[in-house]
Structures are given as structure tokens and as C-alpha cells.
Protein backbone atom coordinates (compact mmCIF):
# COMPACT_ATOMS: atom_id res chain seq x y z
CA MET A 1 6.00 10.93 69.98
CA SER A 2 4.46 12.16 65.95
CA ARG A 3 7.10 11.18 63.38
CA ILE A 4 7.46 14.53 61.04
CA ARG A 5 6.28 13.62 57.67
CA ARG A 6 8.72 14.98 55.07
CA LYS A 7 7.20 16.42 51.87
CA SER A 8 7.67 14.60 48.69
CA SER A 9 10.24 15.46 45.91
CA ARG A 10 8.60 13.90 43.01
CA PRO A 11 6.62 16.09 41.28
CA PRO A 12 2.87 16.04 40.89
CA VAL A 13 1.78 13.77 38.17
CA ARG A 14 -0.39 15.91 35.54
CA VAL A 15 -2.74 13.70 33.91
CA TRP A 16 -3.79 16.41 31.98
CA PRO A 17 -1.39 15.38 29.05
CA TYR A 18 -2.64 12.05 28.80
CA LEU A 19 -5.83 13.41 28.43
CA LEU A 20 -5.03 15.51 25.79
CA ALA A 21 -3.49 12.71 24.35
CA ALA A 22 -6.35 10.61 24.52
CA LEU A 23 -8.69 12.86 22.89
CA VAL A 24 -6.74 13.92 20.13
CA LEU A 25 -6.53 9.74 18.96
CA TRP A 26 -10.52 9.18 19.36
CA LEU A 27 -11.18 12.59 17.42
CA LEU A 28 -8.78 10.97 14.99
CA TRP A 29 -10.54 7.58 15.25
CA SER A 30 -14.24 9.29 15.07
CA LEU A 31 -12.55 11.24 11.71
CA THR A 32 -11.08 8.61 9.81
CA GLU A 33 -13.29 9.45 6.62
CA VAL A 34 -12.87 12.94 6.44
CA LEU A 35 -9.03 12.73 7.01
CA VAL A 36 -8.87 10.81 4.14
CA PRO A 37 -8.14 13.48 1.50
CA PHE A 38 -5.90 15.18 3.69
CA LEU A 39 -3.82 12.26 4.65
CA ALA A 40 -3.60 11.93 1.22
CA ALA A 41 -2.91 15.21 0.14
CA ALA A 42 0.20 15.53 3.00
CA ALA A 43 1.49 12.01 1.83
CA LEU A 44 1.63 13.25 -1.63
CA ALA A 45 2.70 16.78 -1.07
CA TYR A 46 5.84 15.08 1.30
CA MET A 47 6.93 13.15 -1.76
CA ALA A 48 7.23 16.23 -4.03
CA VAL A 49 8.19 18.37 -1.74
CA PRO A 50 12.32 18.19 -2.36
CA THR A 51 11.20 18.50 -6.75
CA VAL A 52 9.73 21.18 -5.99
CA ASP A 53 12.47 22.61 -3.65
CA ALA A 54 14.88 21.87 -6.41
CA LEU A 55 12.37 23.75 -8.93
CA ALA A 56 12.41 26.79 -6.56
CA ARG A 57 16.15 27.09 -6.20
CA ARG A 58 16.56 27.23 -10.03
CA GLY A 59 13.99 30.59 -9.37
CA LEU A 60 10.83 28.95 -10.61
CA ASN A 61 7.87 30.54 -8.03
CA ARG A 62 6.88 28.08 -5.47
CA THR A 63 3.30 28.15 -6.60
CA LEU A 64 3.98 27.05 -10.66
CA ALA A 65 6.61 24.95 -9.43
CA THR A 66 3.89 23.29 -7.27
CA THR A 67 1.39 23.78 -10.13
CA LEU A 68 3.50 21.70 -12.81
CA VAL A 69 4.65 19.57 -10.27
CA LEU A 70 1.09 18.60 -9.68
CA VAL A 71 0.55 18.56 -13.20
CA ALA A 72 3.18 15.98 -13.97
CA VAL A 73 1.59 13.56 -11.49
CA ALA A 74 -1.61 13.53 -12.71
CA LEU A 75 -0.18 13.06 -16.17
CA LEU A 76 1.36 10.02 -15.26
CA LEU A 77 -1.30 8.49 -13.41
CA SER A 78 -3.94 9.78 -16.34
CA LEU A 79 -1.12 7.53 -18.67
CA LEU A 80 -1.29 4.77 -16.68
CA LEU A 81 -4.80 4.56 -16.55
CA LEU A 82 -4.70 4.93 -20.48
CA LEU A 83 -2.56 1.93 -20.68
CA ILE A 84 -4.51 -0.37 -18.42
CA VAL A 85 -7.96 0.71 -19.48
CA PRO A 86 -7.71 -0.30 -23.11
CA MET A 87 -6.19 -3.33 -22.46
CA PHE A 88 -8.15 -4.51 -20.25
CA ILE A 89 -11.02 -4.07 -22.51
CA GLN A 90 -9.46 -5.52 -25.11
CA GLN A 91 -8.68 -8.63 -23.89
CA VAL A 92 -12.53 -8.49 -22.38
CA GLN A 93 -13.68 -8.13 -25.79
CA GLY A 94 -11.40 -10.80 -27.42
CA LEU A 95 -11.90 -13.14 -25.01
CA SER A 96 -16.05 -12.79 -25.26
CA GLU A 97 -15.38 -13.03 -29.60
CA ARG A 98 -13.36 -16.37 -28.50
CA MET A 99 -16.25 -17.44 -26.54
CA PRO A 100 -16.98 -20.54 -28.37
CA THR A 101 -13.19 -21.53 -29.59
CA LEU A 102 -12.51 -21.18 -25.90
CA VAL A 103 -15.57 -23.36 -25.00
CA ASP A 104 -14.06 -26.01 -27.15
CA TRP A 105 -10.92 -26.02 -25.86
CA LEU A 106 -12.41 -26.01 -22.47
CA GLU A 107 -14.57 -29.15 -23.54
CA HIS A 108 -11.99 -31.10 -25.38
CA THR A 109 -8.53 -30.26 -23.53
CA VAL A 110 -9.37 -28.89 -20.13
CA SER A 111 -12.20 -31.57 -19.45
CA PRO A 112 -9.87 -34.67 -20.48
CA TRP A 113 -7.29 -33.61 -18.40
CA LEU A 114 -9.33 -33.26 -15.83
CA ALA A 115 -10.91 -37.02 -16.02
CA ALA A 116 -7.59 -38.12 -16.32
CA LYS A 117 -5.32 -36.24 -13.73
CA LEU A 118 -7.71 -35.22 -11.06
CA ASP A 119 -10.51 -38.08 -12.12
CA ILE A 120 -13.46 -35.15 -11.84
CA ALA A 121 -15.61 -34.99 -14.54
CA VAL A 122 -16.54 -31.56 -15.92
CA HIS A 123 -18.42 -31.18 -19.25
CA PHE A 124 -18.40 -27.88 -20.96
CA ASN A 125 -20.94 -26.63 -23.78
CA GLY A 126 -22.24 -23.43 -24.61
CA THR A 127 -25.91 -24.39 -25.59
CA SER A 128 -25.63 -25.90 -21.55
CA LEU A 129 -24.32 -22.86 -20.36
CA ARG A 130 -26.81 -20.62 -22.24
CA ASP A 131 -29.46 -22.98 -20.74
CA ALA A 132 -28.38 -22.36 -17.05
CA ILE A 133 -28.41 -19.12 -17.10
CA VAL A 134 -32.09 -18.40 -18.92
CA ARG A 135 -32.79 -21.25 -15.91
CA ASN A 136 -31.24 -19.30 -12.86
CA VAL A 137 -32.73 -15.81 -14.46
CA GLY A 138 -35.45 -15.71 -11.66
CA GLY A 139 -32.94 -16.36 -9.12
CA LEU A 140 -30.45 -13.58 -10.34
CA ARG A 141 -33.65 -11.11 -10.45
CA GLN A 142 -33.84 -12.14 -6.88
CA ALA A 143 -30.84 -11.84 -5.70
CA LEU A 144 -30.12 -8.10 -7.75
CA GLU A 145 -33.70 -7.07 -5.86
CA ARG A 146 -31.60 -8.24 -1.96
CA THR A 147 -28.38 -6.30 -3.54
CA LEU A 148 -30.30 -2.82 -4.05
CA PRO A 149 -30.20 -1.47 -0.76
CA ALA A 150 -26.63 -2.81 -1.16
CA LEU A 151 -26.04 -0.74 -4.10
CA THR A 152 -27.37 2.59 -2.58
CA SER A 153 -24.88 2.49 -0.11
CA GLN A 154 -22.22 1.38 -2.41
CA GLY A 155 -23.25 4.15 -4.70
CA LEU A 156 -23.03 7.13 -1.34
CA ALA A 157 -19.55 5.63 -0.89
CA LEU A 158 -18.91 6.33 -4.53
CA ILE A 159 -19.82 10.04 -4.16
CA VAL A 160 -17.10 10.25 -1.03
CA PHE A 161 -14.53 8.46 -3.16
CA LEU A 162 -15.08 10.46 -6.36
CA SER A 163 -15.60 13.37 -3.38
CA ASN A 164 -12.00 12.55 -1.68
CA LEU A 165 -10.56 12.23 -5.47
CA PHE A 166 -11.41 16.15 -5.86
CA LEU A 167 -10.74 17.29 -2.84
CA THR A 168 -7.09 15.40 -2.72
CA PRO A 169 -5.31 17.59 -5.83
CA ILE A 170 -6.75 20.49 -4.71
CA LEU A 171 -5.25 19.51 -0.75
CA ALA A 172 -1.61 19.05 -1.91
CA PHE A 173 -1.42 22.08 -3.96
CA TYR A 174 -2.01 23.80 -0.45
CA LEU A 175 0.06 21.43 1.47
CA LEU A 176 2.70 21.70 -1.32
CA ARG A 177 2.62 25.48 -1.85
CA ASP A 178 3.19 26.39 1.54
CA TRP A 179 4.40 22.88 3.44
CA HIS A 180 7.66 24.78 4.78
CA ASP A 181 5.81 27.69 6.84
CA ILE A 182 3.26 25.10 7.97
CA VAL A 183 5.73 23.16 9.30
CA ALA A 184 7.44 25.88 10.77
CA ARG A 185 4.48 27.11 12.87
CA LEU A 186 3.61 23.26 13.80
CA GLY A 187 7.47 23.45 15.15
CA GLN A 188 6.35 26.91 17.14
CA LEU A 189 3.97 24.78 19.02
CA LEU A 190 6.47 22.99 20.92
CA PRO A 191 7.96 24.39 24.08
CA PRO A 192 11.84 25.45 23.37
CA ARG A 193 13.01 22.86 25.70
CA TRP A 194 11.59 20.40 23.55
CA ARG A 195 12.49 21.39 19.91
CA PRO A 196 16.22 20.16 19.49
CA GLY A 197 15.58 16.59 21.02
CA VAL A 198 11.82 16.59 19.21
CA GLY A 199 13.69 17.51 15.75
CA GLU A 200 16.58 14.88 15.83
CA VAL A 201 14.04 12.46 16.09
CA LEU A 202 11.62 13.75 12.92
CA GLY A 203 15.06 14.26 11.11
CA LYS A 204 15.80 11.03 11.01
CA VAL A 205 12.11 9.75 10.67
CA ASP A 206 12.26 11.70 7.15
CA HIS A 207 15.25 10.08 6.30
CA MET A 208 14.28 6.94 7.12
CA VAL A 209 10.81 7.44 5.28
CA GLY A 210 12.68 8.77 2.12
CA GLU A 211 14.84 6.07 2.58
CA PHE A 212 11.65 3.99 1.92
CA LEU A 213 9.98 5.45 -1.21
CA ARG A 214 13.26 5.32 -2.85
CA GLY A 215 13.75 1.68 -1.94
CA GLN A 216 10.21 0.93 -3.11
CA LEU A 217 10.46 2.98 -6.64
CA THR A 218 13.76 0.14 -7.41
CA VAL A 219 10.94 -1.84 -7.07
CA MET A 220 8.68 -1.13 -9.26
CA VAL A 221 11.78 -0.58 -11.57
CA ILE A 222 13.43 -4.37 -10.89
CA MET A 223 9.19 -5.50 -11.29
CA ALA A 224 8.48 -3.52 -14.07
CA ALA A 225 11.36 -5.48 -16.33
CA LEU A 226 11.43 -8.71 -14.61
CA TYR A 227 7.02 -8.98 -15.40
CA GLY A 228 8.01 -7.41 -19.24
CA LEU A 229 11.14 -9.41 -20.41
CA GLY A 230 9.78 -12.79 -19.10
CA TRP A 231 6.53 -12.14 -19.99
CA TRP A 232 7.84 -11.48 -23.71
CA LEU A 233 10.78 -14.16 -23.69
CA VAL A 234 7.73 -16.69 -23.70
CA GLY A 235 6.11 -15.01 -26.78
CA LEU A 236 3.09 -13.05 -25.18
CA ASP A 237 1.19 -10.28 -27.00
CA SER A 238 1.54 -6.98 -25.60
CA GLY A 239 3.09 -9.00 -22.53
CA PHE A 240 6.25 -6.49 -21.94
CA ALA A 241 3.47 -3.67 -21.64
CA ILE A 242 1.51 -5.88 -19.64
CA GLY A 243 4.57 -6.55 -17.48
CA VAL A 244 5.39 -3.14 -17.37
CA VAL A 245 2.02 -1.90 -15.89
CA ALA A 246 2.22 -4.71 -13.31
CA GLY A 247 5.90 -4.13 -12.04
CA LEU A 248 4.85 0.01 -11.69
CA LEU A 249 1.03 -1.07 -9.97
CA VAL A 250 3.78 -3.35 -7.21
CA CYS A 251 3.03 -0.18 -5.23
CA ILE A 252 -0.34 -1.13 -3.90
CA PRO A 253 -0.17 -4.73 -2.26
CA TYR A 254 -2.56 -7.70 -4.04
CA VAL A 255 -4.45 -5.55 -6.35
CA GLY A 256 -1.13 -4.44 -8.75
CA ALA A 257 -0.34 -7.83 -9.17
CA PHE A 258 -3.66 -9.29 -9.35
CA ILE A 259 -4.51 -7.04 -12.27
CA GLY A 260 -1.13 -7.85 -13.87
CA VAL A 261 -2.06 -11.91 -13.66
CA LEU A 262 -5.42 -10.94 -14.19
CA LEU A 263 -4.57 -9.23 -18.18
CA ALA A 264 -1.18 -11.55 -18.75
CA THR A 265 -3.94 -14.48 -17.60
CA LEU A 266 -6.57 -13.39 -20.70
CA ALA A 267 -4.22 -12.49 -23.28
CA ALA A 268 -2.75 -16.28 -22.96
CA ILE A 269 -5.74 -17.41 -23.05
CA LEU A 270 -7.03 -15.65 -26.05
CA GLN A 271 -3.40 -16.17 -27.95
CA PHE A 272 -2.52 -19.32 -26.89
CA GLY A 273 -5.65 -21.47 -25.99
CA SER A 274 -3.23 -24.45 -24.48
CA PHE A 275 -2.03 -25.29 -20.53
CA GLU A 276 1.19 -24.88 -21.91
CA GLY A 277 0.93 -21.30 -22.60
CA LEU A 278 -0.88 -20.52 -19.68
CA ALA A 279 1.79 -22.31 -17.28
CA MET A 280 4.27 -20.30 -18.85
CA VAL A 281 3.08 -16.57 -18.32
CA TRP A 282 1.65 -18.53 -14.47
CA GLY A 283 5.27 -19.38 -14.09
CA VAL A 284 6.32 -15.84 -15.05
CA TYR A 285 4.23 -14.33 -12.29
CA ALA A 286 5.00 -17.09 -10.12
CA VAL A 287 8.51 -16.29 -9.99
CA ALA A 288 8.49 -12.85 -10.05
CA GLN A 289 6.30 -12.69 -7.14
CA THR A 290 8.24 -14.75 -4.78
CA LEU A 291 11.57 -12.96 -5.81
CA GLU A 292 9.88 -10.00 -5.00
CA SER A 293 8.60 -11.12 -1.55
CA PHE A 294 11.05 -12.84 -0.12
CA ILE A 295 14.18 -11.59 -1.59
CA ILE A 296 13.73 -8.11 -3.42
CA THR A 297 10.94 -5.54 -1.15
CA PRO A 298 13.16 -7.55 2.15
CA GLN A 299 16.54 -6.88 0.72
CA LEU A 300 15.81 -3.00 -1.00
CA VAL A 301 13.24 -2.24 1.51
CA GLY A 302 14.15 -3.75 4.20
CA ASP A 303 17.73 -2.69 4.15
CA ARG A 304 17.12 0.64 3.37
CA ILE A 305 14.47 1.32 6.62
CA GLY A 306 16.80 -0.76 8.86
CA LEU A 307 14.33 -3.26 9.10
CA HIS A 308 14.74 -7.66 9.13
CA PRO A 309 13.21 -9.13 5.97
CA ALA A 310 11.69 -11.68 8.71
CA LEU A 311 10.05 -8.14 10.35
CA VAL A 312 9.30 -6.85 6.97
CA ILE A 313 6.85 -10.01 6.16
CA PHE A 314 5.44 -9.70 9.27
CA ALA A 315 4.63 -6.21 9.31
CA LEU A 316 2.89 -6.76 6.12
CA MET A 317 0.96 -10.13 7.47
CA ALA A 318 0.23 -8.10 10.69
CA PHE A 319 -0.84 -4.83 9.32
CA GLY A 320 -3.35 -6.24 6.20
CA THR A 321 -4.57 -8.90 9.17
CA LEU A 322 -5.90 -5.20 11.68
CA PHE A 323 -6.43 -2.39 9.33
CA GLY A 324 -6.45 -4.10 5.54
CA PHE A 325 -5.89 -2.84 2.42
CA VAL A 326 -4.82 0.60 4.27
CA GLY A 327 -2.48 -1.70 6.99
CA VAL A 328 -0.87 -2.82 4.07
CA LEU A 329 -0.10 0.73 1.82
CA LEU A 330 1.06 1.69 5.46
CA ALA A 331 2.94 -0.93 7.02
CA LEU A 332 6.25 -0.45 5.93
CA PRO A 333 6.72 3.14 6.28
CA VAL A 334 4.95 2.96 9.72
CA SER A 335 6.73 0.46 10.63
CA ALA A 336 10.14 2.53 9.78
CA VAL A 337 8.51 5.47 12.03
CA LEU A 338 8.34 2.84 14.89
CA ARG A 339 11.81 1.99 14.34
CA VAL A 340 13.26 5.29 15.05
CA LEU A 341 11.18 5.67 18.08
CA TRP A 342 11.96 2.44 19.17
CA GLN A 343 15.62 3.24 18.64
CA GLU A 344 15.02 6.69 21.01
CA GLY A 345 13.03 5.11 23.62
CA MET A 346 15.93 2.42 23.89
CA VAL A 347 18.50 5.18 24.31
CA ARG A 348 16.95 7.19 27.00
CA TYR A 349 15.53 3.94 28.91
CA TYR A 350 19.32 2.62 28.49
CA ALA A 351 20.16 6.21 30.27
CA SER A 352 17.68 6.71 33.09
CA ARG A 353 18.72 5.89 36.37
CA TRP A 354 16.02 3.61 36.46
CA TYR A 355 17.90 0.80 34.85
CA GLN A 356 21.68 1.66 35.55
CA ARG A 357 20.23 1.83 38.92
CA ARG A 358 22.86 -0.88 40.99
CA ILE A 359 21.70 -4.23 43.03
CA THR A 360 21.50 -4.12 46.69
CA ARG A 361 23.49 -6.76 48.02
CA ILE A 362 22.48 -7.83 51.23
CA PRO A 363 24.72 -9.14 53.62
CA ALA A 364 25.79 -12.64 54.30
CA GLY A 365 23.67 -14.09 57.51
CA HIS A 366 20.55 -12.11 56.74
CA ASP A 367 17.24 -12.28 55.49
């Protein structure tokens, strides 16, 4: 007697959505360099949309409002560069002018200290340093010749960087001016049955990223105050200005802190010329950096995006290891988005039939 096969009530598995998603991911990976100015412009437009909307609600033409906002951003960035570059050039020029005094300080202060504390014999002499440079001119020339191919590739990278720098504000202008139209057209691509759920998730993501940006701005202001007041209190010339620049550059992990401590170190060497002066400057930096890494950023940014302080530190380290400098920049906003998606996934998982299915008890006496 043959058994009658019943048709399965389960719908057939559709493979094409997964293939399409894989194709999109592959294209994004392959076009990473091309997408850089578009992603930068989108990020700039996203951050500037509330300001443009506020100006538009006051009766200002949206095109004019977009232009004014982008011009203001360009002026702020230019002002920051005008603060950093001349300050750095001034410190380097002062260092070169005081090189004999610095060498004398190294020879009569640093060298005896190293010999007494660490039992290391090091001698600093301007004549010997100049002779060493002359002796190694041939080696420097050979190294330069070996570096020429790399300089060529770096030149191409510089061209790409400059082109991206030129394209980003242009793309940001069009994205910012037509932001709501672009979002509406993207929303129309979704099936009507998906729009309420996707809209709710995107609203939560938007709120989370906005909280992150506000928290990051607060961190920048606090760090500018800490660095500026700290270096001003220890008597460092231009310490407040250097501290403000270092605090504002906190938004660029590692690079901002490096520029700030480098400028402060050069200023301390020129002004103090002693271990005590360097120790005070580095002490302010160490205290402020410790507060920022373990208290200020985890509490202000971590709490605003709902991440535990330990997860904030882990996200920075993990994304930095996987994706380098860009990963460090994107670590916290991407973590905020992933947290929202995780919460939504958990809600659906707990409500699923698979999770709520009861355990079938086997009667006693049966194997």
C-alpha cells in the first residue's frame, strides 16, 4: 500500500534576496574608494539637516539655507586649520632657533639624569650630530631613491584625497538640499507592508545616532576646557589655545590627541627647558586623557547610545583593529545602530513560535 505524500505547507525558500544582498555587499566592498566622498557627504548632510530645516521653517529658501550652513562649516574648519598650522610652524621655528640651547640642555641635564637613574650613557652634541648626518648622507640618498616609487603612489593617493576633498562639499550640497525628497523616494522602494516596521526601526536608529553626536560634542567641549585650563594653570604659553585645539580634535581619535600633546610638548621644551616643565605638561595630558577614555566618553557617549562603558571601549578597540583609523571613527555610531537592530531582533526572537514552543514531556516508563 503506497503512502500518499502530502504537500508541504511551508513556502519555498527564495534564494534571490540573499543573492541580491550578497551582490550589493560585494559592490560596496569593491567600490570603497569611490564611495568615500559620497559617505562623507552623506554624514555631513545628516548632521546638518536639523539646522537647514530650522532655517527653512523660518522662511528661508532651502537652497540658500543649505549654502549658508555649508559655508559656516567651511569657515569653522578653516579657522581650526588657521589655529593649528601657524601654531605648529611657530613651535618648529622656535625649536630650530633654540637648537643650541636645547642640545646643551640635553647634554648637561638629560644625559646625567639617564646615567644616574637608568645607567645609560648618552651624549648629545651639536657637532657630533652634524657629523653623523654628513656621514649618513649616502645612506639617506639611497633610502630616498628606494622611496621614489612609494612617493609616486603616495602622489596618486594625494590626488585622490584632493579630488575627494573637492567633491565632498558639492555632493553634500545636493544631498542636504534634497534630503527629504531622497529619503521619501528610498522609502517608496520598500513594500507597503514593510514600511511601518522599517520606519520604526529607522526612527530609533536616527534617535540613537543623534544622541551620539550630541554626546560627542559635549565631550569635545569638556576636553577643550580640561586641556586649556590645565596647561594654562601650569603656566604654559599659548597653553589655553593649544588645549582648545586638542579638545576640539578629540572627535578624531588618536590623531587629535597626538597633535595636541605634540604642540604642548614643543611649547614646553621652548619655554621651560626642564624635566619639571615637561612633567607638568605631560601630567595634564595624562590626567585629561585618562578621564576622557574611562569616564567622560563612556558616561556621556556610552549612556546616550545605551552602551555599557566596557562595550564602548571594546567597540573602539575592535573596530580599530578590524578597519584601522576609519573603524575607530565609525565604532560608536555603528555600535549604536547595531544595538537598535539587536533589540529589534530580540523582540522578534522572543515572540517567535520557535522560542515559545513548549517542551514535549516524554511519559515515564518510555524510552
